Structure formats: C-alpha cells, structure tokens
Full PDB file with SEQRES, HELIX, SHEET, SSBOND, CRYST1, ORIGX, SCALE, CONECT and MASTER records, all heavy atoms in Angstrom:
SEQRES   1 A   42  THR MET PHE ILE ALA VAL PRO SER ALA ALA GLY LEU ILE          
SEQRES   2 A   42  ALA LEU ALA ASP PRO ILE VAL ALA LEU LEU PHE GLU ARG          
SEQRES   3 A   42  GLY ALA PHE SER PRO GLU ALA VAL VAL ALA THR GLY SER          
SEQRES   4 A   42  ALA LEU VAL                                                  
HELIX    1 AA1 MET A    2  ALA A   14  1                                  13    
HELIX    2 AA2 ALA A   16  PHE A   24  1                                   9    
HELIX    3 AA3 PRO A   31  LEU A   41  1                                  11    
CRYST1    1.000    1.000    1.000  90.00  90.00  90.00 P 1           1          
ORIGX1      1.000000  0.000000  0.000000        0.00000                         
ORIGX2      0.000000  1.000000  0.000000        0.00000                         
ORIGX3      0.000000  0.000000  1.000000        0.00000                         
SCALE1      1.000000  0.000000  0.000000        0.00000                         
SCALE2      0.000000  1.000000  0.000000        0.00000                         
SCALE3      0.000000  0.000000  1.000000        0.00000                         
ATOM      1  N   THR A   1     -27.607  14.820   8.935  1.00  0.00           N  
ATOM      2  CA  THR A   1     -26.916  14.262   7.761  1.00  0.00           C  
ATOM      3  C   THR A   1     -25.411  14.378   7.903  1.00  0.00           C  
ATOM      4  O   THR A   1     -24.663  13.420   7.659  1.00  0.00           O  
ATOM      5  CB  THR A   1     -27.383  14.987   6.485  1.00  0.00           C  
ATOM      6  OG1 THR A   1     -28.801  14.859   6.348  1.00  0.00           O  
ATOM      7  CG2 THR A   1     -26.691  14.409   5.252  1.00  0.00           C  
ATOM      8  N   MET A   2     -24.936  15.541   8.311  1.00  0.00           N  
ATOM      9  CA  MET A   2     -23.496  15.753   8.492  1.00  0.00           C  
ATOM     10  C   MET A   2     -22.941  14.856   9.586  1.00  0.00           C  
ATOM     11  O   MET A   2     -21.833  14.308   9.446  1.00  0.00           O  
ATOM     12  CB  MET A   2     -23.237  17.220   8.837  1.00  0.00           C  
ATOM     13  CG  MET A   2     -21.776  17.573   9.033  1.00  0.00           C  
ATOM     14  SD  MET A   2     -21.532  19.350   9.259  1.00  0.00           S  
ATOM     15  CE  MET A   2     -22.563  19.643  10.686  1.00  0.00           C  
ATOM     16  N   PHE A   3     -23.697  14.695  10.661  1.00  0.00           N  
ATOM     17  CA  PHE A   3     -23.271  13.879  11.798  1.00  0.00           C  
ATOM     18  C   PHE A   3     -22.994  12.434  11.377  1.00  0.00           C  
ATOM     19  O   PHE A   3     -22.131  11.763  11.938  1.00  0.00           O  
ATOM     20  CB  PHE A   3     -24.359  13.922  12.872  1.00  0.00           C  
ATOM     21  CG  PHE A   3     -24.049  13.133  14.106  1.00  0.00           C  
ATOM     22  CD1 PHE A   3     -23.137  13.603  15.033  1.00  0.00           C  
ATOM     23  CD2 PHE A   3     -24.662  11.913  14.338  1.00  0.00           C  
ATOM     24  CE1 PHE A   3     -22.848  12.880  16.181  1.00  0.00           C  
ATOM     25  CE2 PHE A   3     -24.388  11.180  15.483  1.00  0.00           C  
ATOM     26  CZ  PHE A   3     -23.475  11.659  16.407  1.00  0.00           C  
ATOM     27  N   ILE A   4     -23.703  11.960  10.365  1.00  0.00           N  
ATOM     28  CA  ILE A   4     -23.550  10.573   9.908  1.00  0.00           C  
ATOM     29  C   ILE A   4     -22.596  10.465   8.720  1.00  0.00           C  
ATOM     30  O   ILE A   4     -21.764   9.553   8.646  1.00  0.00           O  
ATOM     31  CB  ILE A   4     -24.926   9.986   9.541  1.00  0.00           C  
ATOM     32  CG1 ILE A   4     -25.828   9.944  10.777  1.00  0.00           C  
ATOM     33  CG2 ILE A   4     -24.786   8.587   8.936  1.00  0.00           C  
ATOM     34  CD1 ILE A   4     -27.269   9.629  10.480  1.00  0.00           C  
ATOM     35  N   ALA A   5     -22.687  11.410   7.783  1.00  0.00           N  
ATOM     36  CA  ALA A   5     -21.954  11.277   6.521  1.00  0.00           C  
ATOM     37  C   ALA A   5     -20.448  11.479   6.682  1.00  0.00           C  
ATOM     38  O   ALA A   5     -19.651  10.777   6.042  1.00  0.00           O  
ATOM     39  CB  ALA A   5     -22.507  12.270   5.496  1.00  0.00           C  
ATOM     40  N   VAL A   6     -20.026  12.423   7.502  1.00  0.00           N  
ATOM     41  CA  VAL A   6     -18.590  12.725   7.624  1.00  0.00           C  
ATOM     42  C   VAL A   6     -17.805  11.543   8.206  1.00  0.00           C  
ATOM     43  O   VAL A   6     -16.784  11.130   7.631  1.00  0.00           O  
ATOM     44  CB  VAL A   6     -18.368  14.008   8.446  1.00  0.00           C  
ATOM     45  CG1 VAL A   6     -16.873  14.242   8.685  1.00  0.00           C  
ATOM     46  CG2 VAL A   6     -18.966  15.201   7.728  1.00  0.00           C  
ATOM     47  N   PRO A   7     -18.229  10.943   9.337  1.00  0.00           N  
ATOM     48  CA  PRO A   7     -17.474   9.776   9.824  1.00  0.00           C  
ATOM     49  C   PRO A   7     -17.567   8.577   8.886  1.00  0.00           C  
ATOM     50  O   PRO A   7     -16.626   7.781   8.814  1.00  0.00           O  
ATOM     51  CB  PRO A   7     -18.126   9.471  11.182  1.00  0.00           C  
ATOM     52  CG  PRO A   7     -19.473  10.089  11.117  1.00  0.00           C  
ATOM     53  CD  PRO A   7     -19.305  11.310  10.277  1.00  0.00           C  
ATOM     54  N   SER A   8     -18.683   8.451   8.155  1.00  0.00           N  
ATOM     55  CA  SER A   8     -18.793   7.360   7.173  1.00  0.00           C  
ATOM     56  C   SER A   8     -17.730   7.503   6.099  1.00  0.00           C  
ATOM     57  O   SER A   8     -17.080   6.523   5.706  1.00  0.00           O  
ATOM     58  CB  SER A   8     -20.190   7.361   6.541  1.00  0.00           C  
ATOM     59  OG  SER A   8     -21.190   7.135   7.506  1.00  0.00           O  
ATOM     60  N   ALA A   9     -17.546   8.737   5.609  1.00  0.00           N  
ATOM     61  CA  ALA A   9     -16.517   8.982   4.596  1.00  0.00           C  
ATOM     62  C   ALA A   9     -15.130   8.693   5.148  1.00  0.00           C  
ATOM     63  O   ALA A   9     -14.285   8.077   4.475  1.00  0.00           O  
ATOM     64  CB  ALA A   9     -16.607  10.425   4.108  1.00  0.00           C  
ATOM     65  N   ALA A  10     -14.874   9.126   6.384  1.00  0.00           N  
ATOM     66  CA  ALA A  10     -13.563   8.882   6.999  1.00  0.00           C  
ATOM     67  C   ALA A  10     -13.271   7.392   7.109  1.00  0.00           C  
ATOM     68  O   ALA A  10     -12.154   6.932   6.832  1.00  0.00           O  
ATOM     69  CB  ALA A  10     -13.509   9.539   8.383  1.00  0.00           C  
ATOM     70  N   GLY A  11     -14.285   6.626   7.499  1.00  0.00           N  
ATOM     71  CA  GLY A  11     -14.107   5.179   7.620  1.00  0.00           C  
ATOM     72  C   GLY A  11     -13.843   4.505   6.288  1.00  0.00           C  
ATOM     73  O   GLY A  11     -12.976   3.625   6.176  1.00  0.00           O  
ATOM     74  N   LEU A  12     -14.580   4.907   5.252  1.00  0.00           N  
ATOM     75  CA  LEU A  12     -14.387   4.297   3.929  1.00  0.00           C  
ATOM     76  C   LEU A  12     -13.010   4.629   3.359  1.00  0.00           C  
ATOM     77  O   LEU A  12     -12.368   3.780   2.730  1.00  0.00           O  
ATOM     78  CB  LEU A  12     -15.484   4.769   2.973  1.00  0.00           C  
ATOM     79  CG  LEU A  12     -16.872   4.165   3.170  1.00  0.00           C  
ATOM     80  CD1 LEU A  12     -17.867   4.788   2.196  1.00  0.00           C  
ATOM     81  CD2 LEU A  12     -16.848   2.653   3.004  1.00  0.00           C  
ATOM     82  N   ILE A  13     -12.563   5.856   3.566  1.00  0.00           N  
ATOM     83  CA  ILE A  13     -11.233   6.230   3.071  1.00  0.00           C  
ATOM     84  C   ILE A  13     -10.145   5.432   3.786  1.00  0.00           C  
ATOM     85  O   ILE A  13      -9.197   4.936   3.163  1.00  0.00           O  
ATOM     86  CB  ILE A  13     -11.012   7.746   3.262  1.00  0.00           C  
ATOM     87  CG1 ILE A  13     -11.932   8.535   2.319  1.00  0.00           C  
ATOM     88  CG2 ILE A  13      -9.552   8.117   3.012  1.00  0.00           C  
ATOM     89  CD1 ILE A  13     -11.954  10.027   2.585  1.00  0.00           C  
ATOM     90  N   ALA A  14     -10.287   5.280   5.101  1.00  0.00           N  
ATOM     91  CA  ALA A  14      -9.262   4.579   5.885  1.00  0.00           C  
ATOM     92  C   ALA A  14      -9.228   3.086   5.587  1.00  0.00           C  
ATOM     93  O   ALA A  14      -8.158   2.466   5.603  1.00  0.00           O  
ATOM     94  CB  ALA A  14      -9.524   4.805   7.377  1.00  0.00           C  
ATOM     95  N   LEU A  15     -10.378   2.488   5.288  1.00  0.00           N  
ATOM     96  CA  LEU A  15     -10.485   1.028   5.171  1.00  0.00           C  
ATOM     97  C   LEU A  15     -10.841   0.573   3.757  1.00  0.00           C  
ATOM     98  O   LEU A  15     -11.351  -0.532   3.577  1.00  0.00           O  
ATOM     99  CB  LEU A  15     -11.544   0.509   6.156  1.00  0.00           C  
ATOM    100  CG  LEU A  15     -11.319   0.830   7.633  1.00  0.00           C  
ATOM    101  CD1 LEU A  15     -12.517   0.388   8.464  1.00  0.00           C  
ATOM    102  CD2 LEU A  15     -10.045   0.161   8.141  1.00  0.00           C  
ATOM    103  N   ALA A  16     -10.557   1.399   2.765  1.00  0.00           N  
ATOM    104  CA  ALA A  16     -11.008   1.109   1.400  1.00  0.00           C  
ATOM    105  C   ALA A  16     -10.555  -0.263   0.900  1.00  0.00           C  
ATOM    106  O   ALA A  16     -11.382  -1.122   0.567  1.00  0.00           O  
ATOM    107  CB  ALA A  16     -10.523   2.212   0.447  1.00  0.00           C  
ATOM    108  N   ASP A  17      -9.255  -0.502   0.826  1.00  0.00           N  
ATOM    109  CA  ASP A  17      -8.749  -1.767   0.292  1.00  0.00           C  
ATOM    110  C   ASP A  17      -9.196  -2.977   1.124  1.00  0.00           C  
ATOM    111  O   ASP A  17      -9.633  -3.989   0.561  1.00  0.00           O  
ATOM    112  CB  ASP A  17      -7.230  -1.735   0.172  1.00  0.00           C  
ATOM    113  CG  ASP A  17      -6.768  -0.937  -1.041  1.00  0.00           C  
ATOM    114  OD1 ASP A  17      -7.634  -0.402  -1.763  1.00  0.00           O  
ATOM    115  OD2 ASP A  17      -5.550  -0.836  -1.270  1.00  0.00           O  
ATOM    116  N   PRO A  18      -9.077  -2.929   2.466  1.00  0.00           N  
ATOM    117  CA  PRO A  18      -9.520  -4.084   3.252  1.00  0.00           C  
ATOM    118  C   PRO A  18     -11.006  -4.411   3.075  1.00  0.00           C  
ATOM    119  O   PRO A  18     -11.384  -5.582   3.036  1.00  0.00           O  
ATOM    120  CB  PRO A  18      -9.220  -3.660   4.699  1.00  0.00           C  
ATOM    121  CG  PRO A  18      -8.163  -2.635   4.596  1.00  0.00           C  
ATOM    122  CD  PRO A  18      -8.426  -1.910   3.319  1.00  0.00           C  
ATOM    123  N   ILE A  19     -11.851  -3.386   2.967  1.00  0.00           N  
ATOM    124  CA  ILE A  19     -13.284  -3.631   2.782  1.00  0.00           C  
ATOM    125  C   ILE A  19     -13.541  -4.282   1.439  1.00  0.00           C  
ATOM    126  O   ILE A  19     -14.309  -5.253   1.329  1.00  0.00           O  
ATOM    127  CB  ILE A  19     -14.074  -2.318   2.912  1.00  0.00           C  
ATOM    128  CG1 ILE A  19     -14.078  -1.841   4.371  1.00  0.00           C  
ATOM    129  CG2 ILE A  19     -15.509  -2.494   2.434  1.00  0.00           C  
ATOM    130  CD1 ILE A  19     -14.724  -0.484   4.571  1.00  0.00           C  
ATOM    131  N   VAL A  20     -12.916  -3.767   0.386  1.00  0.00           N  
ATOM    132  CA  VAL A  20     -13.099  -4.340  -0.950  1.00  0.00           C  
ATOM    133  C   VAL A  20     -12.628  -5.788  -0.971  1.00  0.00           C  
ATOM    134  O   VAL A  20     -13.292  -6.673  -1.519  1.00  0.00           O  
ATOM    135  CB  VAL A  20     -12.352  -3.511  -2.013  1.00  0.00           C  
ATOM    136  CG1 VAL A  20     -12.414  -4.203  -3.375  1.00  0.00           C  
ATOM    137  CG2 VAL A  20     -12.959  -2.109  -2.113  1.00  0.00           C  
ATOM    138  N   ALA A  21     -11.466  -6.040  -0.369  1.00  0.00           N  
ATOM    139  CA  ALA A  21     -10.937  -7.412  -0.336  1.00  0.00           C  
ATOM    140  C   ALA A  21     -11.859  -8.346   0.436  1.00  0.00           C  
ATOM    141  O   ALA A  21     -12.125  -9.475   0.011  1.00  0.00           O  
ATOM    142  CB  ALA A  21      -9.539  -7.413   0.286  1.00  0.00           C  
ATOM    143  N   LEU A  22     -12.349  -7.890   1.586  1.00  0.00           N  
ATOM    144  CA  LEU A  22     -13.230  -8.712   2.407  1.00  0.00           C  
ATOM    145  C   LEU A  22     -14.503  -9.091   1.659  1.00  0.00           C  
ATOM    146  O   LEU A  22     -14.958 -10.243   1.717  1.00  0.00           O  
ATOM    147  CB  LEU A  22     -13.586  -7.961   3.690  1.00  0.00           C  
ATOM    148  CG  LEU A  22     -14.568  -8.653   4.640  1.00  0.00           C  
ATOM    149  CD1 LEU A  22     -13.943  -9.895   5.255  1.00  0.00           C  
ATOM    150  CD2 LEU A  22     -15.012  -7.682   5.746  1.00  0.00           C  
ATOM    151  N   LEU A  23     -15.072  -8.144   0.931  1.00  0.00           N  
ATOM    152  CA  LEU A  23     -16.372  -8.378   0.298  1.00  0.00           C  
ATOM    153  C   LEU A  23     -16.262  -9.069  -1.059  1.00  0.00           C  
ATOM    154  O   LEU A  23     -17.114  -9.891  -1.410  1.00  0.00           O  
ATOM    155  CB  LEU A  23     -17.114  -7.046   0.138  1.00  0.00           C  
ATOM    156  CG  LEU A  23     -17.543  -6.358   1.432  1.00  0.00           C  
ATOM    157  CD1 LEU A  23     -18.128  -4.985   1.128  1.00  0.00           C  
ATOM    158  CD2 LEU A  23     -18.559  -7.215   2.171  1.00  0.00           C  
ATOM    159  N   PHE A  24     -15.243  -8.736  -1.842  1.00  0.00           N  
ATOM    160  CA  PHE A  24     -15.260  -9.140  -3.248  1.00  0.00           C  
ATOM    161  C   PHE A  24     -14.120 -10.064  -3.692  1.00  0.00           C  
ATOM    162  O   PHE A  24     -14.234 -10.690  -4.750  1.00  0.00           O  
ATOM    163  CB  PHE A  24     -15.230  -7.892  -4.143  1.00  0.00           C  
ATOM    164  CG  PHE A  24     -16.386  -6.959  -3.919  1.00  0.00           C  
ATOM    165  CD1 PHE A  24     -16.176  -5.591  -3.834  1.00  0.00           C  
ATOM    166  CD2 PHE A  24     -17.673  -7.438  -3.799  1.00  0.00           C  
ATOM    167  CE1 PHE A  24     -17.236  -4.722  -3.635  1.00  0.00           C  
ATOM    168  CE2 PHE A  24     -18.744  -6.579  -3.595  1.00  0.00           C  
ATOM    169  CZ  PHE A  24     -18.521  -5.221  -3.517  1.00  0.00           C  
ATOM    170  N   GLU A  25     -13.011 -10.156  -2.949  1.00  0.00           N  
ATOM    171  CA  GLU A  25     -11.840 -10.882  -3.459  1.00  0.00           C  
ATOM    172  C   GLU A  25     -12.047 -12.389  -3.380  1.00  0.00           C  
ATOM    173  O   GLU A  25     -11.604 -13.061  -2.452  1.00  0.00           O  
ATOM    174  CB  GLU A  25     -10.571 -10.494  -2.693  1.00  0.00           C  
ATOM    175  CG  GLU A  25      -9.299 -11.025  -3.368  1.00  0.00           C  
ATOM    176  CD  GLU A  25      -8.043 -10.620  -2.625  1.00  0.00           C  
ATOM    177  OE1 GLU A  25      -8.146  -9.987  -1.561  1.00  0.00           O  
ATOM    178  OE2 GLU A  25      -6.940 -10.938  -3.111  1.00  0.00           O  
ATOM    179  N   ARG A  26     -12.704 -12.891  -4.382  1.00  0.00           N  
ATOM    180  CA  ARG A  26     -12.925 -14.340  -4.519  1.00  0.00           C  
ATOM    181  C   ARG A  26     -13.403 -14.612  -5.937  1.00  0.00           C  
ATOM    182  O   ARG A  26     -13.867 -13.708  -6.627  1.00  0.00           O  
ATOM    183  CB  ARG A  26     -13.941 -14.847  -3.494  1.00  0.00           C  
ATOM    184  CG  ARG A  26     -15.295 -14.188  -3.548  1.00  0.00           C  
ATOM    185  CD  ARG A  26     -16.212 -14.629  -2.412  1.00  0.00           C  
ATOM    186  NE  ARG A  26     -15.642 -14.362  -1.113  1.00  0.00           N  
ATOM    187  CZ  ARG A  26     -15.699 -13.168  -0.501  1.00  0.00           C  
ATOM    188  NH1 ARG A  26     -16.303 -12.154  -1.098  1.00  0.00           N  
ATOM    189  NH2 ARG A  26     -15.153 -12.992   0.677  1.00  0.00           N  
ATOM    190  N   GLY A  27     -13.290 -15.848  -6.365  1.00  0.00           N  
ATOM    191  CA  GLY A  27     -13.767 -16.206  -7.696  1.00  0.00           C  
ATOM    192  C   GLY A  27     -13.059 -15.414  -8.773  1.00  0.00           C  
ATOM    193  O   GLY A  27     -11.827 -15.372  -8.848  1.00  0.00           O  
ATOM    194  N   ALA A  28     -13.858 -14.743  -9.611  1.00  0.00           N  
ATOM    195  CA  ALA A  28     -13.310 -13.993 -10.745  1.00  0.00           C  
ATOM    196  C   ALA A  28     -12.769 -12.626 -10.363  1.00  0.00           C  
ATOM    197  O   ALA A  28     -12.227 -11.918 -11.214  1.00  0.00           O  
ATOM    198  CB  ALA A  28     -14.398 -13.827 -11.821  1.00  0.00           C  
ATOM    199  N   PHE A  29     -12.902 -12.245  -9.088  1.00  0.00           N  
ATOM    200  CA  PHE A  29     -12.464 -10.917  -8.649  1.00  0.00           C  
ATOM    201  C   PHE A  29     -11.041 -11.030  -8.096  1.00  0.00           C  
ATOM    202  O   PHE A  29     -10.821 -11.533  -7.003  1.00  0.00           O  
ATOM    203  CB  PHE A  29     -13.417 -10.375  -7.576  1.00  0.00           C  
ATOM    204  CG  PHE A  29     -13.455  -8.875  -7.495  1.00  0.00           C  
ATOM    205  CD1 PHE A  29     -14.353  -8.149  -8.255  1.00  0.00           C  
ATOM    206  CD2 PHE A  29     -12.581  -8.192  -6.659  1.00  0.00           C  
ATOM    207  CE1 PHE A  29     -14.393  -6.763  -8.182  1.00  0.00           C  
ATOM    208  CE2 PHE A  29     -12.611  -6.812  -6.571  1.00  0.00           C  
ATOM    209  CZ  PHE A  29     -13.522  -6.090  -7.336  1.00  0.00           C  
ATOM    210  N   SER A  30     -10.067 -10.501  -8.854  1.00  0.00           N  
ATOM    211  CA  SER A  30      -8.646 -10.703  -8.563  1.00  0.00           C  
ATOM    212  C   SER A  30      -8.100  -9.674  -7.581  1.00  0.00           C  
ATOM    213  O   SER A  30      -8.725  -8.643  -7.324  1.00  0.00           O  
ATOM    214  CB  SER A  30      -7.851 -10.603  -9.871  1.00  0.00           C  
ATOM    215  OG  SER A  30      -7.920  -9.274 -10.371  1.00  0.00           O  
ATOM    216  N   PRO A  31      -6.880  -9.908  -7.025  1.00  0.00           N  
ATOM    217  CA  PRO A  31      -6.235  -8.898  -6.164  1.00  0.00           C  
ATOM    218  C   PRO A  31      -6.011  -7.577  -6.884  1.00  0.00           C  
ATOM    219  O   PRO A  31      -6.068  -6.514  -6.257  1.00  0.00           O  
ATOM    220  CB  PRO A  31      -4.904  -9.563  -5.789  1.00  0.00           C  
ATOM    221  CG  PRO A  31      -5.169 -11.030  -5.895  1.00  0.00           C  
ATOM    222  CD  PRO A  31      -6.122 -11.183  -7.032  1.00  0.00           C  
ATOM    223  N   GLU A  32      -5.723  -7.636  -8.187  1.00  0.00           N  
ATOM    224  CA  GLU A  32      -5.552  -6.401  -8.951  1.00  0.00           C  
ATOM    225  C   GLU A  32      -6.857  -5.597  -8.991  1.00  0.00           C  
ATOM    226  O   GLU A  32      -6.845  -4.363  -8.905  1.00  0.00           O  
ATOM    227  CB  GLU A  32      -5.099  -6.722 -10.379  1.00  0.00           C  
ATOM    228  CG  GLU A  32      -3.684  -7.277 -10.486  1.00  0.00           C  
ATOM    229  CD  GLU A  32      -3.583  -8.747 -10.054  1.00  0.00           C  
ATOM    230  OE1 GLU A  32      -4.637  -9.422  -9.990  1.00  0.00           O  
ATOM    231  OE2 GLU A  32      -2.459  -9.202  -9.768  1.00  0.00           O  
ATOM    232  N   ALA A  33      -7.979  -6.313  -9.090  1.00  0.00           N  
ATOM    233  CA  ALA A  33      -9.278  -5.640  -9.085  1.00  0.00           C  
ATOM    234  C   ALA A  33      -9.556  -5.005  -7.728  1.00  0.00           C  
ATOM    235  O   ALA A  33     -10.197  -3.959  -7.642  1.00  0.00           O  
ATOM    236  CB  ALA A  33     -10.387  -6.632  -9.447  1.00  0.00           C  
ATOM    237  N   VAL A  34      -9.071  -5.643  -6.661  1.00  0.00           N  
ATOM    238  CA  VAL A  34      -9.244  -5.077  -5.313  1.00  0.00           C  
ATOM    239  C   VAL A  34      -8.554  -3.715  -5.217  1.00  0.00           C  
ATOM    240  O   VAL A  34      -9.131  -2.729  -4.736  1.00  0.00           O  
ATOM    241  CB  VAL A  34      -8.680  -6.036  -4.243  1.00  0.00           C  
ATOM    242  CG1 VAL A  34      -8.608  -5.339  -2.886  1.00  0.00           C  
ATOM    243  CG2 VAL A  34      -9.529  -7.288  -4.149  1.00  0.00           C  
ATOM    244  N   VAL A  35      -7.302  -3.645  -5.664  1.00  0.00           N  
ATOM    245  CA  VAL A  35      -6.546  -2.395  -5.589  1.00  0.00           C  
ATOM    246  C   VAL A  35      -7.199  -1.312  -6.443  1.00  0.00           C  
ATOM    247  O   VAL A  35      -7.357  -0.155  -6.009  1.00  0.00           O  
ATOM    248  CB  VAL A  35      -5.089  -2.623  -6.035  1.00  0.00           C  
ATOM    249  CG1 VAL A  35      -4.331  -1.300  -6.098  1.00  0.00           C  
ATOM    250  CG2 VAL A  35      -4.389  -3.588  -5.086  1.00  0.00           C  
ATOM    251  N   ALA A  36      -7.616  -1.675  -7.649  1.00  0.00           N  
ATOM    252  CA  ALA A  36      -8.232  -0.696  -8.553  1.00  0.00           C  
ATOM    253  C   ALA A  36      -9.554  -0.185  -7.986  1.00  0.00           C  
ATOM    254  O   ALA A  36      -9.849   1.009  -8.049  1.00  0.00           O  
ATOM    255  CB  ALA A  36      -8.449  -1.329  -9.927  1.00  0.00           C  
ATOM    256  N   THR A  37     -10.352  -1.091  -7.425  1.00  0.00           N  
ATOM    257  CA  THR A  37     -11.638  -0.698  -6.849  1.00  0.00           C  
ATOM    258  C   THR A  37     -11.435   0.124  -5.585  1.00  0.00           C  
ATOM    259  O   THR A  37     -12.142   1.114  -5.346  1.00  0.00           O  
ATOM    260  CB  THR A  37     -12.488  -1.943  -6.542  1.00  0.00           C  
ATOM    261  OG1 THR A  37     -12.650  -2.712  -7.744  1.00  0.00           O  
ATOM    262  CG2 THR A  37     -13.861  -1.555  -6.009  1.00  0.00           C  
ATOM    263  N   GLY A  38     -10.467  -0.250  -4.754  1.00  0.00           N  
ATOM    264  CA  GLY A  38     -10.187   0.494  -3.531  1.00  0.00           C  
ATOM    265  C   GLY A  38      -9.758   1.924  -3.813  1.00  0.00           C  
ATOM    266  O   GLY A  38     -10.166   2.860  -3.108  1.00  0.00           O  
ATOM    267  N   SER A  39      -8.954   2.121  -4.840  1.00  0.00           N  
ATOM    268  CA  SER A  39      -8.515   3.477  -5.198  1.00  0.00           C  
ATOM    269  C   SER A  39      -9.702   4.330  -5.630  1.00  0.00           C  
ATOM    270  O   SER A  39      -9.811   5.510  -5.263  1.00  0.00           O  
ATOM    271  CB  SER A  39      -7.483   3.416  -6.327  1.00  0.00           C  
ATOM    272  OG  SER A  39      -6.338   2.690  -5.929  1.00  0.00           O  
ATOM    273  N   ALA A  40     -10.613   3.737  -6.403  1.00  0.00           N  
ATOM    274  CA  ALA A  40     -11.815   4.459  -6.821  1.00  0.00           C  
ATOM    275  C   ALA A  40     -12.704   4.787  -5.626  1.00  0.00           C  
ATOM    276  O   ALA A  40     -13.308   5.865  -5.554  1.00  0.00           O  
ATOM    277  CB  ALA A  40     -12.587   3.641  -7.843  1.00  0.00           C  
ATOM    278  N   LEU A  41     -12.764   3.870  -4.650  1.00  0.00           N  
ATOM    279  CA  LEU A  41     -13.580   4.093  -3.465  1.00  0.00           C  
ATOM    280  C   LEU A  41     -13.073   5.286  -2.651  1.00  0.00           C  
ATOM    281  O   LEU A  41     -13.867   6.098  -2.150  1.00  0.00           O  
ATOM    282  CB  LEU A  41     -13.604   2.839  -2.598  1.00  0.00           C  
ATOM    283  CG  LEU A  41     -14.385   2.921  -1.284  1.00  0.00           C  
ATOM    284  CD1 LEU A  41     -15.836   3.315  -1.533  1.00  0.00           C  
ATOM    285  CD2 LEU A  41     -14.313   1.591  -0.531  1.00  0.00           C  
ATOM    286  N   VAL A  42     -11.758   5.409  -2.511  1.00  0.00           N  
ATOM    287  CA  VAL A  42     -11.193   6.553  -1.789  1.00  0.00           C  
ATOM    288  C   VAL A  42     -11.587   7.860  -2.487  1.00  0.00           C  
ATOM    289  O   VAL A  42     -12.013   8.832  -1.845  1.00  0.00           O  
ATOM    290  CB  VAL A  42      -9.660   6.439  -1.702  1.00  0.00           C  
ATOM    291  CG1 VAL A  42      -9.046   7.740  -1.175  1.00  0.00           C  
ATOM    292  CG2 VAL A  42      -9.260   5.269  -0.811  1.00  0.00           C  
TER     293      VAL A  42                                                      
MASTER        0    0    0    3    0    0    0    6  292    1    0    4          
END                                                                             
C-alpha cells in the first residue's frame, strides 16, 4: 500500500492544476473552478 500510495500523492500534488484543467475545464467548468479544485486536490 505504501509503495503505491506515496508516489501517487506526490504526483497529484505536483500536477494538481494541470490534471484538473485537462479533465474538467470545458463547458460550464470555468478556469476559476480549475484553480479552486486544484487547491483542494493538493
């Protein structure tokens, strides 16, 4: 569990905003929502 979970957390923290933008920034999901969601993800 540790072998998988620790690098997963590191990756999500490092790539939070880009991942949120890639997946959700379209339609009704605004750039402001990307920043707010990315901060919560970190």
